[in-house]
Structures are given as structure tokens and as C-alpha cells.
Amino acid sequence: MAGTRSKQTVRGMMQSMVVIGAAVAVIYVFVPHGGTSEPVKTVDYRVEQLTAQRAAPYPVQAPVGLPKGWKATSVSYTQDSGNAWHLGFLDPEGQYVAVEQGTGPSDRFVTTVSQDASKTPHTQQVGGETWQRWKGSKYNALVRREKGSTTAVTGTAPYGQLAQMAAALKAGKPQDAGEKTPGAGKPAGSGKS
């Protein structure tokens, strides 16, 4: 009798394992896996740029004439946090590049927006301007200080892409709808990416 119970126990365990295996297979088939991420949504930042230009005590910068493939992904202006202007992009290789401007204490501001990057002794000439290089484990940055404000071009992209963004920065009225504005015609959004 002991042998019969033992056979029934083994048979019951095998049946349970088959049922559990079938359940796992069904879940695997019907639950989405990685690699099916949604495409990045682009934003039209012109309205936020106009608003920031009216409120900021410095000339708000945005890129003009970036090559095809750059996508604006986030925009914000926060007057209460050091008049912070943020404009985030993905470059053509999918690397993140952000334009950050603010009036708060310069080194603290750059450390925050560059994810704890540190100032290096190296500079880089971009469009006739001298930019300070910052290096970090997550982001690198090119930084320029002006009277009363700091501009940082930061992100996961290499310095060459950061320099391309820095060279495209212009203060002034946003481009007309007929000109090439990254994300033009797309719904506006806010927040950092």
C-alpha cells in the first residue's frame, strides 16, 4: 500500500507541474516583453519658449537649424527654482542632450542638471565662445557663465554632440512654423526626460 501512495503522490506532483507549466506558458505568450517600447513623443516647445522669454531675467536659448534627426522631448520653465529653463532632446543616435539655463548658484546648478558631473580644467571653443567641460559618470556637460545666468548643455551624448547643440543655440523669438523647428506641429509637453 505504501508503494501505491508513493506512486499517486509522484503522479499528483507531475500533474501539478504540467498545470503550472501551462499557466507560465500562457502568461509568457500574452504578457508584453521588453523591446516593444513606445516611440519617443516629440514636443513643440515654441509656446513655452515665448513664455520663458517673457519671464526670465536672461536671454532664453533654444537651438536653430539643427540637422534632421534631433527630437525635442521635454520642455519646462520654473521661475521659483532659479528661473530654470529646460529643453530636452534626443540626438540622431538616440543620446540625450539638454539645454539648461538658470540664475541659481552656478556650480550647484550645473552639478544638479548634469547628474553630479565635475568641472574639468578643459575648455572647448564653440561658435566663438569658450565653454567649460564638465565630466560625469552619467552625463557630461559644456557650461558657459554669463552675467547673472549659467547655460549648460548636458546629457549622455559625447562632447561633439553637446557642442553641436551649443553651436545651434540662439536667443530670441522661436522659429516660425514654416522653418525647421524640432517637434513642430506636435503636441506640447512638459517635464524632464
N, C-alpha and C. Protein backbone atom coordinates (compact mmCIF):
# COMPACT_ATOMS: atom_id res chain seq x y z
N MET A 1 0.80 -1.18 0.00
CA MET A 1 0.00 0.00 0.00
C MET A 1 0.85 1.26 0.00
N ALA A 2 1.99 1.20 0.67
CA ALA A 2 2.88 2.35 0.72
C ALA A 2 3.39 2.69 -0.68
N GLY A 3 3.64 1.68 -1.51
CA GLY A 3 4.12 1.89 -2.87
C GLY A 3 3.07 2.57 -3.72
N THR A 4 1.80 2.24 -3.51
CA THR A 4 0.71 2.84 -4.27
C THR A 4 0.57 4.31 -3.92
N ARG A 5 0.65 4.63 -2.63
CA ARG A 5 0.55 6.05 -2.21
C ARG A 5 1.71 6.85 -2.78
N SER A 6 2.86 6.29 -2.78
CA SER A 6 4.04 6.96 -3.29
C SER A 6 3.89 7.22 -4.79
N LYS A 7 3.33 6.25 -5.55
CA LYS A 7 3.10 6.44 -6.98
C LYS A 7 2.05 7.52 -7.21
N GLN A 8 1.01 7.55 -6.38
CA GLN A 8 -0.04 8.56 -6.50
C GLN A 8 0.52 9.95 -6.20
N THR A 9 1.39 10.04 -5.21
CA THR A 9 2.00 11.33 -4.85
C THR A 9 2.85 11.85 -5.99
N VAL A 10 3.67 10.98 -6.58
CA VAL A 10 4.52 11.37 -7.70
C VAL A 10 3.66 11.78 -8.89
N ARG A 11 2.61 11.00 -9.16
CA ARG A 11 1.72 11.31 -10.27
C ARG A 11 1.02 12.66 -10.04
N GLY A 12 0.58 12.92 -8.80
CA GLY A 12 -0.06 14.20 -8.47
C GLY A 12 0.90 15.37 -8.63
N MET A 13 2.15 15.17 -8.23
CA MET A 13 3.16 16.23 -8.39
C MET A 13 3.42 16.50 -9.87
N MET A 14 3.47 15.46 -10.67
CA MET A 14 3.71 15.63 -12.11
C MET A 14 2.55 16.38 -12.76
N GLN A 15 1.31 16.04 -12.38
CA GLN A 15 0.15 16.73 -12.92
C GLN A 15 0.17 18.21 -12.52
N SER A 16 0.55 18.48 -11.29
CA SER A 16 0.64 19.87 -10.82
C SER A 16 1.69 20.65 -11.60
N MET A 17 2.82 20.02 -11.87
CA MET A 17 3.89 20.68 -12.62
C MET A 17 3.45 20.97 -14.05
N VAL A 18 2.67 20.06 -14.65
CA VAL A 18 2.17 20.28 -16.00
C VAL A 18 1.21 21.48 -16.01
N VAL A 19 0.32 21.55 -15.04
CA VAL A 19 -0.64 22.66 -14.94
C VAL A 19 0.11 23.98 -14.75
N ILE A 20 1.10 24.00 -13.85
CA ILE A 20 1.88 25.22 -13.60
C ILE A 20 2.66 25.62 -14.85
N GLY A 21 3.26 24.64 -15.52
CA GLY A 21 3.99 24.92 -16.76
C GLY A 21 3.09 25.52 -17.83
N ALA A 22 1.87 25.00 -17.97
CA ALA A 22 0.92 25.53 -18.94
C ALA A 22 0.54 26.96 -18.60
N ALA A 23 0.33 27.23 -17.30
CA ALA A 23 -0.01 28.59 -16.87
C ALA A 23 1.13 29.57 -17.18
N VAL A 24 2.35 29.17 -16.92
CA VAL A 24 3.52 30.01 -17.21
C VAL A 24 3.62 30.27 -18.71
N ALA A 25 3.38 29.27 -19.54
CA ALA A 25 3.44 29.43 -20.99
C ALA A 25 2.39 30.43 -21.47
N VAL A 26 1.17 30.34 -20.93
CA VAL A 26 0.10 31.27 -21.31
C VAL A 26 0.49 32.70 -20.92
N ILE A 27 1.00 32.88 -19.71
CA ILE A 27 1.41 34.21 -19.26
C ILE A 27 2.52 34.74 -20.15
N TYR A 28 3.50 33.92 -20.47
CA TYR A 28 4.62 34.35 -21.31
C TYR A 28 4.14 34.82 -22.68
N VAL A 29 3.18 34.10 -23.25
CA VAL A 29 2.70 34.43 -24.59
C VAL A 29 1.91 35.74 -24.58
N PHE A 30 1.11 35.98 -23.56
CA PHE A 30 0.20 37.12 -23.58
C PHE A 30 0.71 38.37 -22.87
N VAL A 31 1.76 38.30 -22.11
CA VAL A 31 2.30 39.49 -21.44
C VAL A 31 3.41 40.07 -22.31
N PRO A 32 3.36 41.41 -22.58
CA PRO A 32 4.40 42.01 -23.43
C PRO A 32 5.78 41.91 -22.78
N HIS A 33 6.80 41.79 -23.62
CA HIS A 33 8.18 41.69 -23.16
C HIS A 33 8.91 42.97 -23.52
N GLY A 34 10.16 43.11 -23.04
CA GLY A 34 11.00 44.24 -23.42
C GLY A 34 11.19 44.26 -24.92
N GLY A 35 11.55 45.44 -25.44
CA GLY A 35 11.76 45.56 -26.88
C GLY A 35 10.52 46.02 -27.60
N THR A 36 9.43 46.16 -26.90
CA THR A 36 8.20 46.64 -27.53
C THR A 36 7.86 48.02 -26.96
N SER A 37 8.89 48.84 -26.72
CA SER A 37 8.66 50.16 -26.12
C SER A 37 7.98 51.09 -27.12
N GLU A 38 7.27 52.06 -26.58
CA GLU A 38 6.57 53.02 -27.42
C GLU A 38 7.58 54.00 -28.00
N PRO A 39 7.32 54.54 -29.19
CA PRO A 39 8.24 55.52 -29.76
C PRO A 39 8.25 56.80 -28.91
N VAL A 40 9.37 57.50 -28.97
CA VAL A 40 9.51 58.73 -28.21
C VAL A 40 8.60 59.79 -28.80
N LYS A 41 7.87 60.47 -27.95
CA LYS A 41 6.99 61.54 -28.40
C LYS A 41 7.76 62.85 -28.43
N THR A 42 7.60 63.60 -29.51
CA THR A 42 8.26 64.89 -29.62
C THR A 42 7.32 66.00 -29.15
N VAL A 43 7.91 67.12 -28.75
CA VAL A 43 7.13 68.25 -28.28
C VAL A 43 7.45 69.48 -29.12
N ASP A 44 6.49 70.36 -29.24
CA ASP A 44 6.68 71.67 -29.85
C ASP A 44 6.88 72.64 -28.69
N TYR A 45 8.06 73.19 -28.56
CA TYR A 45 8.40 73.99 -27.39
C TYR A 45 8.25 75.49 -27.60
N ARG A 46 7.72 75.92 -28.72
CA ARG A 46 7.67 77.36 -29.04
C ARG A 46 6.85 78.17 -28.04
N VAL A 47 5.71 77.66 -27.61
CA VAL A 47 4.87 78.42 -26.66
C VAL A 47 5.59 78.57 -25.33
N GLU A 48 6.18 77.46 -24.83
CA GLU A 48 6.91 77.53 -23.57
C GLU A 48 8.12 78.44 -23.69
N GLN A 49 8.76 78.45 -24.86
CA GLN A 49 9.91 79.32 -25.06
C GLN A 49 9.49 80.80 -24.99
N LEU A 50 8.38 81.14 -25.62
CA LEU A 50 7.88 82.53 -25.56
C LEU A 50 7.56 82.93 -24.12
N THR A 51 6.92 82.01 -23.40
CA THR A 51 6.57 82.28 -22.00
C THR A 51 7.83 82.50 -21.17
N ALA A 52 8.81 81.63 -21.35
CA ALA A 52 10.07 81.75 -20.61
C ALA A 52 10.80 83.04 -20.96
N GLN A 53 10.78 83.43 -22.23
CA GLN A 53 11.45 84.66 -22.65
C GLN A 53 10.85 85.88 -21.99
N ARG A 54 9.55 85.86 -21.77
CA ARG A 54 8.89 87.00 -21.10
C ARG A 54 9.22 87.04 -19.61
N ALA A 55 9.41 85.87 -19.01
CA ALA A 55 9.59 85.79 -17.56
C ALA A 55 11.04 85.76 -17.10
N ALA A 56 11.93 85.20 -17.89
CA ALA A 56 13.32 85.00 -17.45
C ALA A 56 14.10 86.31 -17.47
N PRO A 57 15.01 86.48 -16.49
CA PRO A 57 15.84 87.68 -16.44
C PRO A 57 17.12 87.55 -17.30
N TYR A 58 17.14 86.58 -18.20
CA TYR A 58 18.29 86.37 -19.08
C TYR A 58 17.75 85.99 -20.45
N PRO A 59 18.58 86.06 -21.51
CA PRO A 59 18.13 85.65 -22.84
C PRO A 59 17.98 84.13 -22.92
N VAL A 60 16.76 83.66 -23.06
CA VAL A 60 16.47 82.22 -23.13
C VAL A 60 16.99 81.67 -24.46
N GLN A 61 17.73 80.56 -24.37
CA GLN A 61 18.37 79.96 -25.53
C GLN A 61 17.60 78.72 -26.02
N ALA A 62 17.53 78.57 -27.33
CA ALA A 62 16.96 77.38 -27.96
C ALA A 62 17.70 77.17 -29.27
N PRO A 63 17.78 75.94 -29.75
CA PRO A 63 18.54 75.69 -30.98
C PRO A 63 17.80 76.15 -32.23
N VAL A 64 18.59 76.59 -33.20
CA VAL A 64 18.07 76.97 -34.51
C VAL A 64 18.90 76.21 -35.55
N GLY A 65 18.22 75.53 -36.45
CA GLY A 65 18.90 74.88 -37.57
C GLY A 65 19.61 73.58 -37.25
N LEU A 66 19.13 72.84 -36.26
CA LEU A 66 19.73 71.53 -36.01
C LEU A 66 19.49 70.61 -37.20
N PRO A 67 20.42 69.72 -37.51
CA PRO A 67 20.20 68.78 -38.61
C PRO A 67 19.02 67.85 -38.34
N LYS A 68 18.54 67.23 -39.38
CA LYS A 68 17.43 66.28 -39.27
C LYS A 68 17.80 65.16 -38.31
N GLY A 69 16.84 64.69 -37.56
CA GLY A 69 17.06 63.57 -36.65
C GLY A 69 17.05 63.96 -35.18
N TRP A 70 17.18 65.24 -34.87
CA TRP A 70 17.09 65.69 -33.48
C TRP A 70 15.61 65.80 -33.11
N LYS A 71 15.24 65.31 -31.92
CA LYS A 71 13.84 65.34 -31.50
C LYS A 71 13.73 66.02 -30.14
N ALA A 72 12.93 67.07 -30.08
CA ALA A 72 12.64 67.73 -28.80
C ALA A 72 11.68 66.83 -28.02
N THR A 73 12.05 66.49 -26.78
CA THR A 73 11.25 65.55 -26.00
C THR A 73 10.68 66.12 -24.71
N SER A 74 11.22 67.24 -24.23
CA SER A 74 10.71 67.81 -22.98
C SER A 74 11.05 69.30 -22.91
N VAL A 75 10.20 70.03 -22.20
CA VAL A 75 10.41 71.47 -22.05
C VAL A 75 9.77 71.92 -20.74
N SER A 76 10.44 72.84 -20.05
CA SER A 76 9.84 73.43 -18.85
C SER A 76 10.56 74.73 -18.50
N TYR A 77 9.83 75.58 -17.79
CA TYR A 77 10.41 76.80 -17.22
C TYR A 77 9.83 76.94 -15.82
N THR A 78 10.71 77.05 -14.82
CA THR A 78 10.27 77.17 -13.44
C THR A 78 10.88 78.41 -12.83
N GLN A 79 10.06 79.42 -12.63
CA GLN A 79 10.54 80.69 -12.09
C GLN A 79 10.97 80.54 -10.63
N ASP A 80 10.26 79.70 -9.86
CA ASP A 80 10.55 79.53 -8.44
C ASP A 80 11.86 78.82 -8.17
N SER A 81 12.39 78.09 -9.13
CA SER A 81 13.63 77.32 -8.93
C SER A 81 14.78 77.94 -9.70
N GLY A 82 15.10 79.19 -9.41
CA GLY A 82 16.22 79.85 -10.06
C GLY A 82 15.98 80.16 -11.52
N ASN A 83 14.73 80.45 -11.88
CA ASN A 83 14.40 80.77 -13.27
C ASN A 83 14.96 79.71 -14.22
N ALA A 84 14.68 78.46 -13.92
CA ALA A 84 15.27 77.33 -14.64
C ALA A 84 14.53 77.03 -15.95
N TRP A 85 15.26 77.13 -17.05
CA TRP A 85 14.77 76.78 -18.38
C TRP A 85 15.37 75.44 -18.75
N HIS A 86 14.53 74.50 -19.18
CA HIS A 86 14.97 73.16 -19.59
C HIS A 86 14.38 72.83 -20.94
N LEU A 87 15.23 72.32 -21.82
CA LEU A 87 14.78 71.87 -23.13
C LEU A 87 15.55 70.58 -23.44
N GLY A 88 14.85 69.44 -23.46
CA GLY A 88 15.49 68.14 -23.66
C GLY A 88 15.30 67.62 -25.08
N PHE A 89 16.33 66.94 -25.58
CA PHE A 89 16.33 66.38 -26.94
C PHE A 89 16.90 64.98 -26.94
N LEU A 90 16.58 64.23 -27.98
CA LEU A 90 17.32 63.03 -28.35
C LEU A 90 18.04 63.37 -29.64
N ASP A 91 19.34 63.05 -29.70
CA ASP A 91 20.09 63.30 -30.92
C ASP A 91 19.81 62.17 -31.93
N PRO A 92 20.33 62.26 -33.15
CA PRO A 92 20.04 61.23 -34.15
C PRO A 92 20.45 59.81 -33.75
N GLU A 93 21.40 59.67 -32.80
CA GLU A 93 21.82 58.35 -32.33
C GLU A 93 21.04 57.90 -31.10
N GLY A 94 20.07 58.68 -30.67
CA GLY A 94 19.25 58.31 -29.51
C GLY A 94 19.86 58.71 -28.18
N GLN A 95 20.90 59.54 -28.18
CA GLN A 95 21.51 60.02 -26.94
C GLN A 95 20.78 61.27 -26.47
N TYR A 96 20.75 61.45 -25.16
CA TYR A 96 20.03 62.57 -24.56
C TYR A 96 20.93 63.81 -24.49
N VAL A 97 20.37 64.95 -24.88
CA VAL A 97 21.04 66.25 -24.80
C VAL A 97 20.03 67.25 -24.27
N ALA A 98 20.42 68.01 -23.24
CA ALA A 98 19.51 69.01 -22.68
C ALA A 98 20.18 70.38 -22.63
N VAL A 99 19.38 71.40 -22.88
CA VAL A 99 19.79 72.78 -22.68
C VAL A 99 19.21 73.19 -21.34
N GLU A 100 20.07 73.63 -20.43
CA GLU A 100 19.65 74.03 -19.08
C GLU A 100 20.17 75.43 -18.82
N GLN A 101 19.29 76.34 -18.41
CA GLN A 101 19.71 77.69 -18.05
C GLN A 101 19.09 78.03 -16.71
N GLY A 102 19.79 78.84 -15.92
CA GLY A 102 19.25 79.24 -14.63
C GLY A 102 20.06 80.35 -14.01
N THR A 103 19.49 80.93 -12.94
CA THR A 103 20.13 82.04 -12.24
C THR A 103 20.61 81.64 -10.85
N GLY A 104 20.42 80.38 -10.47
CA GLY A 104 20.86 79.93 -9.15
C GLY A 104 22.37 79.87 -9.07
N PRO A 105 22.91 79.55 -7.89
CA PRO A 105 24.37 79.41 -7.75
C PRO A 105 24.91 78.47 -8.84
N SER A 106 25.85 78.97 -9.62
CA SER A 106 26.29 78.30 -10.83
C SER A 106 26.75 76.86 -10.65
N ASP A 107 27.74 76.63 -9.78
CA ASP A 107 28.27 75.27 -9.63
C ASP A 107 27.21 74.29 -9.15
N ARG A 108 26.38 74.72 -8.21
CA ARG A 108 25.32 73.84 -7.70
C ARG A 108 24.31 73.54 -8.80
N PHE A 109 23.95 74.56 -9.58
CA PHE A 109 23.02 74.39 -10.69
C PHE A 109 23.56 73.36 -11.69
N VAL A 110 24.82 73.52 -12.09
CA VAL A 110 25.40 72.60 -13.09
C VAL A 110 25.51 71.20 -12.52
N THR A 111 25.92 71.08 -11.27
CA THR A 111 26.02 69.75 -10.65
C THR A 111 24.67 69.05 -10.66
N THR A 112 23.61 69.79 -10.39
CA THR A 112 22.27 69.21 -10.37
C THR A 112 21.82 68.78 -11.77
N VAL A 113 21.91 69.67 -12.75
CA VAL A 113 21.39 69.35 -14.09
C VAL A 113 22.27 68.36 -14.84
N SER A 114 23.53 68.21 -14.41
CA SER A 114 24.43 67.28 -15.09
C SER A 114 24.57 65.95 -14.34
N GLN A 115 23.67 65.69 -13.40
CA GLN A 115 23.69 64.42 -12.66
C GLN A 115 25.03 64.20 -11.96
N ASP A 116 25.51 65.24 -11.26
CA ASP A 116 26.74 65.19 -10.46
C ASP A 116 28.04 65.15 -11.25
N ALA A 117 28.05 65.73 -12.43
CA ALA A 117 29.32 65.85 -13.16
C ALA A 117 30.22 66.84 -12.41
N SER A 118 31.53 66.77 -12.70
CA SER A 118 32.51 67.64 -12.05
C SER A 118 33.22 68.49 -13.09
N LYS A 119 33.56 69.70 -12.68
CA LYS A 119 34.27 70.62 -13.55
C LYS A 119 35.66 70.06 -13.87
N THR A 120 36.08 70.17 -15.12
CA THR A 120 37.43 69.75 -15.52
C THR A 120 38.23 71.02 -15.83
N PRO A 121 39.53 70.91 -15.99
CA PRO A 121 40.33 72.09 -16.36
C PRO A 121 40.25 72.40 -17.86
N HIS A 122 39.52 71.60 -18.61
CA HIS A 122 39.48 71.74 -20.07
C HIS A 122 38.32 72.63 -20.52
N THR A 123 38.58 73.38 -21.58
CA THR A 123 37.55 74.20 -22.20
C THR A 123 37.41 73.78 -23.65
N GLN A 124 36.34 74.25 -24.28
CA GLN A 124 36.09 73.94 -25.68
C GLN A 124 35.54 75.18 -26.36
N GLN A 125 36.06 75.51 -27.52
CA GLN A 125 35.57 76.63 -28.29
C GLN A 125 34.40 76.17 -29.16
N VAL A 126 33.28 76.84 -29.02
CA VAL A 126 32.09 76.52 -29.80
C VAL A 126 31.49 77.83 -30.29
N GLY A 127 31.45 78.01 -31.60
CA GLY A 127 30.86 79.22 -32.16
C GLY A 127 31.49 80.50 -31.64
N GLY A 128 32.79 80.49 -31.42
CA GLY A 128 33.47 81.69 -30.94
C GLY A 128 33.35 81.93 -29.45
N GLU A 129 32.69 81.03 -28.73
CA GLU A 129 32.52 81.15 -27.28
C GLU A 129 33.32 80.06 -26.59
N THR A 130 33.79 80.36 -25.38
CA THR A 130 34.51 79.36 -24.58
C THR A 130 33.55 78.69 -23.62
N TRP A 131 33.49 77.37 -23.68
CA TRP A 131 32.64 76.57 -22.81
C TRP A 131 33.54 75.71 -21.92
N GLN A 132 33.20 75.61 -20.65
CA GLN A 132 33.93 74.77 -19.70
C GLN A 132 33.40 73.34 -19.80
N ARG A 133 34.32 72.38 -19.85
CA ARG A 133 33.90 70.97 -19.89
C ARG A 133 33.70 70.45 -18.47
N TRP A 134 32.60 69.74 -18.27
CA TRP A 134 32.32 69.00 -17.04
C TRP A 134 32.20 67.54 -17.43
N LYS A 135 32.66 66.65 -16.56
CA LYS A 135 32.62 65.21 -16.86
C LYS A 135 31.97 64.48 -15.71
N GLY A 136 31.13 63.49 -16.04
CA GLY A 136 30.45 62.72 -15.01
C GLY A 136 30.27 61.27 -15.42
N SER A 137 29.83 60.47 -14.48
CA SER A 137 29.61 59.06 -14.77
C SER A 137 28.33 58.85 -15.59
N LYS A 138 27.36 59.76 -15.46
CA LYS A 138 26.12 59.64 -16.23
C LYS A 138 26.10 60.63 -17.39
N TYR A 139 26.33 61.91 -17.09
CA TYR A 139 26.26 62.98 -18.09
C TYR A 139 27.59 63.71 -18.15
N ASN A 140 27.87 64.27 -19.33
CA ASN A 140 28.93 65.26 -19.50
C ASN A 140 28.23 66.59 -19.76
N ALA A 141 28.97 67.68 -19.71
CA ALA A 141 28.34 68.98 -19.93
C ALA A 141 29.34 69.97 -20.50
N LEU A 142 28.82 70.91 -21.26
CA LEU A 142 29.53 72.11 -21.67
C LEU A 142 28.82 73.26 -20.98
N VAL A 143 29.59 74.11 -20.29
CA VAL A 143 29.00 75.14 -19.44
C VAL A 143 29.56 76.51 -19.79
N ARG A 144 28.66 77.48 -19.86
CA ARG A 144 29.06 78.88 -20.10
C ARG A 144 28.34 79.76 -19.09
N ARG A 145 29.12 80.61 -18.44
CA ARG A 145 28.56 81.55 -17.46
C ARG A 145 28.49 82.94 -18.09
N GLU A 146 27.37 83.60 -17.88
CA GLU A 146 27.19 84.97 -18.35
C GLU A 146 26.71 85.80 -17.18
N LYS A 147 26.57 87.08 -17.37
CA LYS A 147 26.10 87.95 -16.28
C LYS A 147 24.76 87.47 -15.75
N GLY A 148 24.75 87.00 -14.52
CA GLY A 148 23.50 86.63 -13.87
C GLY A 148 22.89 85.29 -14.23
N SER A 149 23.51 84.52 -15.15
CA SER A 149 22.93 83.22 -15.51
C SER A 149 24.02 82.25 -15.94
N THR A 150 23.63 80.98 -15.96
CA THR A 150 24.51 79.90 -16.40
C THR A 150 23.77 79.08 -17.44
N THR A 151 24.47 78.71 -18.51
CA THR A 151 23.91 77.83 -19.53
C THR A 151 24.73 76.55 -19.54
N ALA A 152 24.04 75.41 -19.48
CA ALA A 152 24.70 74.10 -19.56
C ALA A 152 24.03 73.29 -20.66
N VAL A 153 24.86 72.72 -21.52
CA VAL A 153 24.38 71.75 -22.50
C VAL A 153 24.92 70.42 -21.98
N THR A 154 24.02 69.55 -21.57
CA THR A 154 24.42 68.35 -20.84
C THR A 154 23.66 67.13 -21.34
N GLY A 155 24.16 65.95 -21.02
CA GLY A 155 23.46 64.74 -21.38
C GLY A 155 24.39 63.56 -21.57
N THR A 156 23.83 62.48 -22.11
CA THR A 156 24.57 61.24 -22.32
C THR A 156 25.36 61.27 -23.62
N ALA A 157 25.10 62.23 -24.48
CA ALA A 157 25.78 62.32 -25.77
C ALA A 157 27.24 62.70 -25.58
N PRO A 158 28.10 62.34 -26.54
CA PRO A 158 29.51 62.74 -26.46
C PRO A 158 29.66 64.26 -26.64
N TYR A 159 30.84 64.76 -26.27
CA TYR A 159 31.08 66.21 -26.35
C TYR A 159 30.83 66.78 -27.73
N GLY A 160 31.08 66.02 -28.79
CA GLY A 160 30.82 66.51 -30.14
C GLY A 160 29.36 66.86 -30.37
N GLN A 161 28.46 66.01 -29.86
CA GLN A 161 27.03 66.28 -30.00
C GLN A 161 26.61 67.43 -29.08
N LEU A 162 27.20 67.49 -27.89
CA LEU A 162 26.90 68.62 -26.99
C LEU A 162 27.33 69.92 -27.65
N ALA A 163 28.49 69.91 -28.31
CA ALA A 163 28.99 71.10 -28.99
C ALA A 163 28.09 71.48 -30.17
N GLN A 164 27.55 70.47 -30.86
CA GLN A 164 26.64 70.77 -31.98
C GLN A 164 25.40 71.49 -31.46
N MET A 165 24.88 71.05 -30.33
CA MET A 165 23.73 71.73 -29.73
C MET A 165 24.13 73.13 -29.28
N ALA A 166 25.27 73.26 -28.60
CA ALA A 166 25.71 74.57 -28.12
C ALA A 166 25.88 75.56 -29.27
N ALA A 167 26.40 75.09 -30.40
CA ALA A 167 26.61 75.95 -31.56
C ALA A 167 25.28 76.42 -32.16
N ALA A 168 24.23 75.64 -32.00
CA ALA A 168 22.92 75.97 -32.58
C ALA A 168 22.10 76.90 -31.69
N LEU A 169 22.53 77.13 -30.45
CA LEU A 169 21.73 77.93 -29.52
C LEU A 169 21.67 79.39 -29.93
N LYS A 170 20.47 79.92 -29.90
CA LYS A 170 20.23 81.33 -30.20
C LYS A 170 19.18 81.84 -29.21
N ALA A 171 19.31 83.09 -28.85
CA ALA A 171 18.30 83.74 -28.02
C ALA A 171 17.37 84.50 -28.97
N GLY A 172 16.13 84.60 -28.58
CA GLY A 172 15.21 85.37 -29.41
C GLY A 172 13.92 84.64 -29.65
N LYS A 173 13.18 85.17 -30.61
CA LYS A 173 11.86 84.66 -30.93
C LYS A 173 11.96 83.24 -31.50
N PRO A 174 11.05 82.35 -31.08
CA PRO A 174 11.05 80.99 -31.66
C PRO A 174 10.86 81.06 -33.17
N GLN A 175 11.35 80.04 -33.86
CA GLN A 175 11.23 79.99 -35.32
C GLN A 175 9.77 79.95 -35.74
N ASP A 176 9.50 80.48 -36.92
CA ASP A 176 8.15 80.41 -37.48
C ASP A 176 7.81 78.97 -37.82
N ALA A 177 6.53 78.69 -37.90
CA ALA A 177 6.07 77.33 -38.17
C ALA A 177 6.61 76.80 -39.49
N GLY A 178 6.89 77.69 -40.45
CA GLY A 178 7.39 77.25 -41.74
C GLY A 178 8.85 76.83 -41.70
N GLU A 179 9.60 77.25 -40.66
CA GLU A 179 11.00 76.89 -40.56
C GLU A 179 11.13 75.55 -39.86
N LYS A 180 12.32 74.99 -39.91
CA LYS A 180 12.56 73.68 -39.28
C LYS A 180 12.73 73.83 -37.78
N THR A 181 11.71 73.53 -37.03
CA THR A 181 11.79 73.51 -35.58
C THR A 181 11.58 72.08 -35.13
N PRO A 182 12.55 71.50 -34.39
CA PRO A 182 12.36 70.12 -33.94
C PRO A 182 11.05 69.98 -33.18
N GLY A 183 10.24 69.04 -33.60
CA GLY A 183 8.99 68.76 -32.90
C GLY A 183 7.86 69.67 -33.31
N ALA A 184 8.06 70.54 -34.32
CA ALA A 184 7.00 71.46 -34.71
C ALA A 184 5.77 70.67 -35.16
N GLY A 185 4.62 71.17 -34.74
CA GLY A 185 3.36 70.55 -35.11
C GLY A 185 2.96 69.41 -34.20
N LYS A 186 3.76 69.09 -33.22
CA LYS A 186 3.45 68.02 -32.29
C LYS A 186 2.85 68.62 -31.03
N PRO A 187 2.12 67.83 -30.22
CA PRO A 187 1.55 68.39 -29.02
C PRO A 187 2.63 68.81 -28.03
N ALA A 188 2.38 69.90 -27.33
CA ALA A 188 3.35 70.39 -26.34
C ALA A 188 3.32 69.50 -25.12
N GLY A 189 4.44 69.44 -24.43
CA GLY A 189 4.54 68.66 -23.21
C GLY A 189 5.45 69.36 -22.24
N SER A 190 5.56 68.85 -21.06
CA SER A 190 6.46 69.42 -20.11
C SER A 190 7.08 68.34 -19.28
N GLY A 191 8.10 68.71 -18.53
CA GLY A 191 8.80 67.76 -17.68
C GLY A 191 10.11 67.37 -18.31
N LYS A 192 11.00 66.85 -17.50
CA LYS A 192 12.32 66.46 -17.97
C LYS A 192 12.31 65.03 -18.44
N SER A 193 13.12 64.79 -19.46
CA SER A 193 13.26 63.44 -19.98
C SER A 193 14.59 62.89 -19.70
